[in-house]
């Protein structure tokens, strides 16, 4: 390989590693729960109790 090709591959690898460090994996965005507002409205639309009630309720194991 020529020196120019090696430098080009190193530069590409460096850019990719910097991009991976700075941002979350976009393929995992759908697995994030979202804001409290989003979680609360999603729960209410599914017929469950609100997020506030969920967080305020006591655990049955206490």
PDB file of N, CA and C in Angstrom:
ATOM      1  N   UNK A   1       0.837  -1.190   0.000  1.00  0.00           N
ATOM      2  CA  UNK A   1       0.000   0.000   0.000  1.00  0.00           C
ATOM      3  C   UNK A   1       0.872   1.240   0.000  1.00  0.00           C
ATOM      4  N   UNK A   2       0.355   2.231  -0.618  1.00  0.00           N
ATOM      5  CA  UNK A   2       1.076   3.501  -0.658  1.00  0.00           C
ATOM      6  C   UNK A   2       0.847   4.249   0.659  1.00  0.00           C
ATOM      7  N   UNK A   3       1.773   5.121   0.957  1.00  0.00           N
ATOM      8  CA  UNK A   3       1.661   5.903   2.181  1.00  0.00           C
ATOM      9  C   UNK A   3       0.387   6.751   2.189  1.00  0.00           C
ATOM     10  N   UNK A   4       0.001   7.229   1.019  1.00  0.00           N
ATOM     11  CA  UNK A   4      -1.200   8.052   0.926  1.00  0.00           C
ATOM     12  C   UNK A   4      -2.454   7.245   1.285  1.00  0.00           C
ATOM     13  N   UNK A   5      -2.513   6.002   0.876  1.00  0.00           N
ATOM     14  CA  UNK A   5      -3.662   5.141   1.196  1.00  0.00           C
ATOM     15  C   UNK A   5      -3.729   4.857   2.697  1.00  0.00           C
ATOM     16  N   UNK A   6      -2.592   4.621   3.300  1.00  0.00           N
ATOM     17  CA  UNK A   6      -2.549   4.354   4.738  1.00  0.00           C
ATOM     18  C   UNK A   6      -3.009   5.584   5.511  1.00  0.00           C
ATOM     19  N   UNK A   7      -2.535   6.754   5.111  1.00  0.00           N
ATOM     20  CA  UNK A   7      -2.963   7.989   5.779  1.00  0.00           C
ATOM     21  C   UNK A   7      -4.457   8.232   5.588  1.00  0.00           C
ATOM     22  N   UNK A   8      -4.974   7.938   4.401  1.00  0.00           N
ATOM     23  CA  UNK A   8      -6.403   8.118   4.147  1.00  0.00           C
ATOM     24  C   UNK A   8      -7.229   7.194   5.035  1.00  0.00           C
ATOM     25  N   UNK A   9      -6.823   5.942   5.170  1.00  0.00           N
ATOM     26  CA  UNK A   9      -7.549   4.999   6.025  1.00  0.00           C
ATOM     27  C   UNK A   9      -7.477   5.425   7.491  1.00  0.00           C
ATOM     28  N   UNK A  10      -6.333   5.920   7.919  1.00  0.00           N
ATOM     29  CA  UNK A  10      -6.195   6.384   9.299  1.00  0.00           C
ATOM     30  C   UNK A  10      -7.092   7.594   9.557  1.00  0.00           C
ATOM     31  N   UNK A  11      -7.181   8.496   8.590  1.00  0.00           N
ATOM     32  CA  UNK A  11      -8.031   9.679   8.740  1.00  0.00           C
ATOM     33  C   UNK A  11      -9.503   9.278   8.808  1.00  0.00           C
ATOM     34  N   UNK A  12      -9.910   8.342   7.978  1.00  0.00           N
ATOM     35  CA  UNK A  12     -11.301   7.875   7.992  1.00  0.00           C
ATOM     36  C   UNK A  12     -11.617   7.207   9.326  1.00  0.00           C
ATOM     37  N   UNK A  13     -10.719   6.382   9.811  1.00  0.00           N
ATOM     38  CA  UNK A  13     -10.929   5.709  11.102  1.00  0.00           C
ATOM     39  C   UNK A  13     -11.016   6.724  12.239  1.00  0.00           C
ATOM     40  N   UNK A  14     -10.211   7.765  12.179  1.00  0.00           N
ATOM     41  CA  UNK A  14     -10.233   8.796  13.218  1.00  0.00           C
ATOM     42  C   UNK A  14     -11.554   9.554  13.205  1.00  0.00           C
ATOM     43  N   UNK A  15     -12.051   9.892  12.034  1.00  0.00           N
ATOM     44  CA  UNK A  15     -13.320  10.616  11.932  1.00  0.00           C
ATOM     45  C   UNK A  15     -14.463   9.742  12.441  1.00  0.00           C
ATOM     46  N   UNK A  16     -14.481   8.478  12.080  1.00  0.00           N
ATOM     47  CA  UNK A  16     -15.539   7.566  12.524  1.00  0.00           C
ATOM     48  C   UNK A  16     -15.508   7.411  14.046  1.00  0.00           C
ATOM     49  N   UNK A  17     -14.319   7.290  14.623  1.00  0.00           N
ATOM     50  CA  UNK A  17     -14.244   7.133  16.076  1.00  0.00           C
ATOM     51  C   UNK A  17     -14.711   8.389  16.799  1.00  0.00           C
ATOM     52  N   UNK A  18     -14.405   9.562  16.258  1.00  0.00           N
ATOM     53  CA  UNK A  18     -14.868  10.816  16.870  1.00  0.00           C
ATOM     54  C   UNK A  18     -16.388  10.915  16.781  1.00  0.00           C
ATOM     55  N   UNK A  19     -16.958  10.547  15.649  1.00  0.00           N
ATOM     56  CA  UNK A  19     -18.412  10.603  15.499  1.00  0.00           C
ATOM     57  C   UNK A  19     -19.104   9.624  16.443  1.00  0.00           C
ATOM     58  N   UNK A  20     -18.523   8.463  16.653  1.00  0.00           N
ATOM     59  CA  UNK A  20     -19.120   7.477  17.554  1.00  0.00           C
ATOM     60  C   UNK A  20     -19.060   7.932  19.002  1.00  0.00           C
ATOM     61  N   UNK A  21     -18.041   8.690  19.375  1.00  0.00           N
ATOM     62  CA  UNK A  21     -17.913   9.179  20.744  1.00  0.00           C
ATOM     63  C   UNK A  21     -18.889  10.311  21.025  1.00  0.00           C
ATOM     64  N   UNK A  22     -19.167  11.142  20.031  1.00  0.00           N
ATOM     65  CA  UNK A  22     -19.964  12.343  20.252  1.00  0.00           C
ATOM     66  C   UNK A  22     -21.460  12.089  20.253  1.00  0.00           C
ATOM     67  N   UNK A  23     -21.942  11.078  19.587  1.00  0.00           N
ATOM     68  CA  UNK A  23     -23.385  10.895  19.493  1.00  0.00           C
ATOM     69  C   UNK A  23     -23.775   9.493  19.916  1.00  0.00           C
ATOM     70  N   UNK A  24     -25.040   9.377  20.301  1.00  0.00           N
ATOM     71  CA  UNK A  24     -25.570   8.072  20.652  1.00  0.00           C
ATOM     72  C   UNK A  24     -25.787   7.257  19.385  1.00  0.00           C
ATOM     73  N   UNK A  25     -25.905   5.977  19.568  1.00  0.00           N
ATOM     74  CA  UNK A  25     -26.153   5.085  18.446  1.00  0.00           C
ATOM     75  C   UNK A  25     -27.558   5.353  17.915  1.00  0.00           C
ATOM     76  N   UNK A  26     -27.692   5.830  16.681  1.00  0.00           N
ATOM     77  CA  UNK A  26     -29.033   6.160  16.180  1.00  0.00           C
ATOM     78  C   UNK A  26     -29.943   4.947  16.061  1.00  0.00           C
ATOM     79  N   UNK A  27     -29.382   3.761  15.987  1.00  0.00           N
ATOM     80  CA  UNK A  27     -30.227   2.579  15.878  1.00  0.00           C
ATOM     81  C   UNK A  27     -30.908   2.251  17.195  1.00  0.00           C
ATOM     82  N   UNK A  28     -30.439   2.841  18.306  1.00  0.00           N
ATOM     83  CA  UNK A  28     -31.023   2.586  19.620  1.00  0.00           C
ATOM     84  C   UNK A  28     -31.999   3.684  20.051  1.00  0.00           C
ATOM     85  N   UNK A  29     -32.267   4.652  19.183  1.00  0.00           N
ATOM     86  CA  UNK A  29     -33.118   5.787  19.558  1.00  0.00           C
ATOM     87  C   UNK A  29     -34.530   5.344  19.914  1.00  0.00           C
ATOM     88  N   UNK A  30     -35.047   4.333  19.270  1.00  0.00           N
ATOM     89  CA  UNK A  30     -36.396   3.863  19.554  1.00  0.00           C
ATOM     90  C   UNK A  30     -36.518   3.146  20.879  1.00  0.00           C
ATOM     91  N   UNK A  31     -35.415   2.752  21.458  1.00  0.00           N
ATOM     92  CA  UNK A  31     -35.446   2.053  22.743  1.00  0.00           C
ATOM     93  C   UNK A  31     -35.385   3.000  23.935  1.00  0.00           C
ATOM     94  N   UNK A  32     -35.118   4.275  23.686  1.00  0.00           N
ATOM     95  CA  UNK A  32     -35.049   5.246  24.772  1.00  0.00           C
ATOM     96  C   UNK A  32     -36.468   5.603  25.220  1.00  0.00           C
ATOM     97  N   UNK A  33     -36.705   5.704  26.533  1.00  0.00           N
ATOM     98  CA  UNK A  33     -38.066   5.943  27.005  1.00  0.00           C
ATOM     99  C   UNK A  33     -38.603   7.336  26.690  1.00  0.00           C
ATOM    100  N   UNK A  34     -37.741   8.306  26.503  1.00  0.00           N
ATOM    101  CA  UNK A  34     -38.184   9.654  26.204  1.00  0.00           C
ATOM    102  C   UNK A  34     -38.390  10.472  27.465  1.00  0.00           C
ATOM    103  N   UNK A  35     -38.966  11.654  27.282  1.00  0.00           N
ATOM    104  CA  UNK A  35     -39.184  12.555  28.416  1.00  0.00           C
ATOM    105  C   UNK A  35     -40.303  12.024  29.305  1.00  0.00           C
ATOM    106  N   UNK A  36     -40.415  12.592  30.488  1.00  0.00           N
ATOM    107  CA  UNK A  36     -41.475  12.194  31.413  1.00  0.00           C
ATOM    108  C   UNK A  36     -42.845  12.455  30.800  1.00  0.00           C
ATOM    109  N   UNK A  37     -42.977  13.566  30.085  1.00  0.00           N
ATOM    110  CA  UNK A  37     -44.243  13.890  29.429  1.00  0.00           C
ATOM    111  C   UNK A  37     -44.619  12.798  28.437  1.00  0.00           C
ATOM    112  N   UNK A  38     -43.650  12.365  27.634  1.00  0.00           N
ATOM    113  CA  UNK A  38     -43.909  11.324  26.640  1.00  0.00           C
ATOM    114  C   UNK A  38     -44.285  10.008  27.314  1.00  0.00           C
ATOM    115  N   UNK A  39     -43.559   9.655  28.354  1.00  0.00           N
ATOM    116  CA  UNK A  39     -43.854   8.408  29.070  1.00  0.00           C
ATOM    117  C   UNK A  39     -45.244   8.456  29.680  1.00  0.00           C
ATOM    118  N   UNK A  40     -45.596   9.595  30.274  1.00  0.00           N
ATOM    119  CA  UNK A  40     -46.888   9.731  30.919  1.00  0.00           C
ATOM    120  C   UNK A  40     -48.020   9.603  29.901  1.00  0.00           C
ATOM    121  N   UNK A  41     -47.910  10.284  28.775  1.00  0.00           N
ATOM    122  CA  UNK A  41     -48.964  10.239  27.777  1.00  0.00           C
ATOM    123  C   UNK A  41     -49.055   8.864  27.111  1.00  0.00           C
ATOM    124  N   UNK A  42     -47.927   8.206  26.962  1.00  0.00           N
ATOM    125  CA  UNK A  42     -47.948   6.851  26.405  1.00  0.00           C
ATOM    126  C   UNK A  42     -48.662   5.903  27.362  1.00  0.00           C
ATOM    127  N   UNK A  43     -48.395   6.041  28.654  1.00  0.00           N
ATOM    128  CA  UNK A  43     -49.056   5.197  29.658  1.00  0.00           C
ATOM    129  C   UNK A  43     -50.558   5.462  29.681  1.00  0.00           C
ATOM    130  N   UNK A  44     -50.942   6.733  29.640  1.00  0.00           N
ATOM    131  CA  UNK A  44     -52.359   7.079  29.685  1.00  0.00           C
ATOM    132  C   UNK A  44     -53.092   6.561  28.447  1.00  0.00           C
ATOM    133  N   UNK A  45     -52.462   6.619  27.287  1.00  0.00           N
ATOM    134  CA  UNK A  45     -53.093   6.111  26.064  1.00  0.00           C
ATOM    135  C   UNK A  45     -53.262   4.600  26.095  1.00  0.00           C
ATOM    136  N   UNK A  46     -52.422   3.906  26.844  1.00  0.00           N
ATOM    137  CA  UNK A  46     -52.543   2.452  26.959  1.00  0.00           C
ATOM    138  C   UNK A  46     -53.495   2.057  28.083  1.00  0.00           C
ATOM    139  N   UNK A  47     -54.081   3.043  28.759  1.00  0.00           N
ATOM    140  CA  UNK A  47     -55.039   2.755  29.813  1.00  0.00           C
ATOM    141  C   UNK A  47     -54.408   2.490  31.169  1.00  0.00           C
ATOM    142  N   UNK A  48     -53.148   2.787  31.316  1.00  0.00           N
ATOM    143  CA  UNK A  48     -52.475   2.592  32.601  1.00  0.00           C
ATOM    144  C   UNK A  48     -52.555   3.860  33.426  1.00  0.00           C
ATOM    145  N   UNK A  49     -52.156   3.764  34.686  1.00  0.00           N
ATOM    146  CA  UNK A  49     -52.156   4.943  35.546  1.00  0.00           C
ATOM    147  C   UNK A  49     -51.034   5.886  35.114  1.00  0.00           C
ATOM    148  N   UNK A  50     -51.136   7.125  35.576  1.00  0.00           N
ATOM    149  CA  UNK A  50     -50.152   8.123  35.170  1.00  0.00           C
ATOM    150  C   UNK A  50     -48.780   7.797  35.747  1.00  0.00           C
ATOM    151  N   UNK A  51     -47.786   8.415  35.188  1.00  0.00           N
ATOM    152  CA  UNK A  51     -46.416   8.215  35.643  1.00  0.00           C
ATOM    153  C   UNK A  51     -46.239   8.738  37.062  1.00  0.00           C
ATOM    154  N   UNK A  52     -46.930   9.809  37.409  1.00  0.00           N
ATOM    155  CA  UNK A  52     -46.855  10.350  38.759  1.00  0.00           C
ATOM    156  C   UNK A  52     -47.384   9.328  39.769  1.00  0.00           C
ATOM    157  N   UNK A  53     -48.508   8.699  39.444  1.00  0.00           N
ATOM    158  CA  UNK A  53     -49.057   7.684  40.343  1.00  0.00           C
ATOM    159  C   UNK A  53     -48.133   6.470  40.426  1.00  0.00           C
ATOM    160  N   UNK A  54     -47.533   6.107  39.319  1.00  0.00           N
ATOM    161  CA  UNK A  54     -46.617   4.970  39.319  1.00  0.00           C
ATOM    162  C   UNK A  54     -45.421   5.233  40.226  1.00  0.00           C
ATOM    163  N   UNK A  55     -44.864   6.418  40.124  1.00  0.00           N
ATOM    164  CA  UNK A  55     -43.687   6.750  40.934  1.00  0.00           C
ATOM    165  C   UNK A  55     -44.031   6.956  42.406  1.00  0.00           C
ATOM    166  N   UNK A  56     -45.258   7.375  42.699  1.00  0.00           N
ATOM    167  CA  UNK A  56     -45.651   7.638  44.079  1.00  0.00           C
ATOM    168  C   UNK A  56     -46.139   6.378  44.797  1.00  0.00           C
ATOM    169  N   UNK A  57     -46.482   5.353  44.034  1.00  0.00           N
ATOM    170  CA  UNK A  57     -47.042   4.161  44.675  1.00  0.00           C
ATOM    171  C   UNK A  57     -45.951   3.381  45.401  1.00  0.00           C
ATOM    172  N   UNK A  58     -46.373   2.678  46.417  1.00  0.00           N
ATOM    173  CA  UNK A  58     -45.437   1.885  47.209  1.00  0.00           C
ATOM    174  C   UNK A  58     -45.221   0.535  46.550  1.00  0.00           C
ATOM    175  N   UNK A  59     -44.064   0.023  46.722  1.00  0.00           N
ATOM    176  CA  UNK A  59     -43.745  -1.300  46.192  1.00  0.00           C
ATOM    177  C   UNK A  59     -44.397  -2.364  47.071  1.00  0.00           C
ATOM    178  N   UNK A  60     -44.898  -3.460  46.468  1.00  0.00           N
ATOM    179  CA  UNK A  60     -45.514  -4.506  47.285  1.00  0.00           C
ATOM    180  C   UNK A  60     -44.498  -5.284  48.106  1.00  0.00           C
ATOM    181  N   UNK A  61     -43.228  -5.093  47.867  1.00  0.00           N
ATOM    182  CA  UNK A  61     -42.185  -5.860  48.561  1.00  0.00           C
ATOM    183  C   UNK A  61     -41.669  -5.139  49.800  1.00  0.00           C
ATOM    184  N   UNK A  62     -42.195  -3.949  50.089  1.00  0.00           N
ATOM    185  CA  UNK A  62     -41.709  -3.211  51.272  1.00  0.00           C
ATOM    186  C   UNK A  62     -42.385  -3.709  52.522  1.00  0.00           C
TER     187      UNK A  62
END
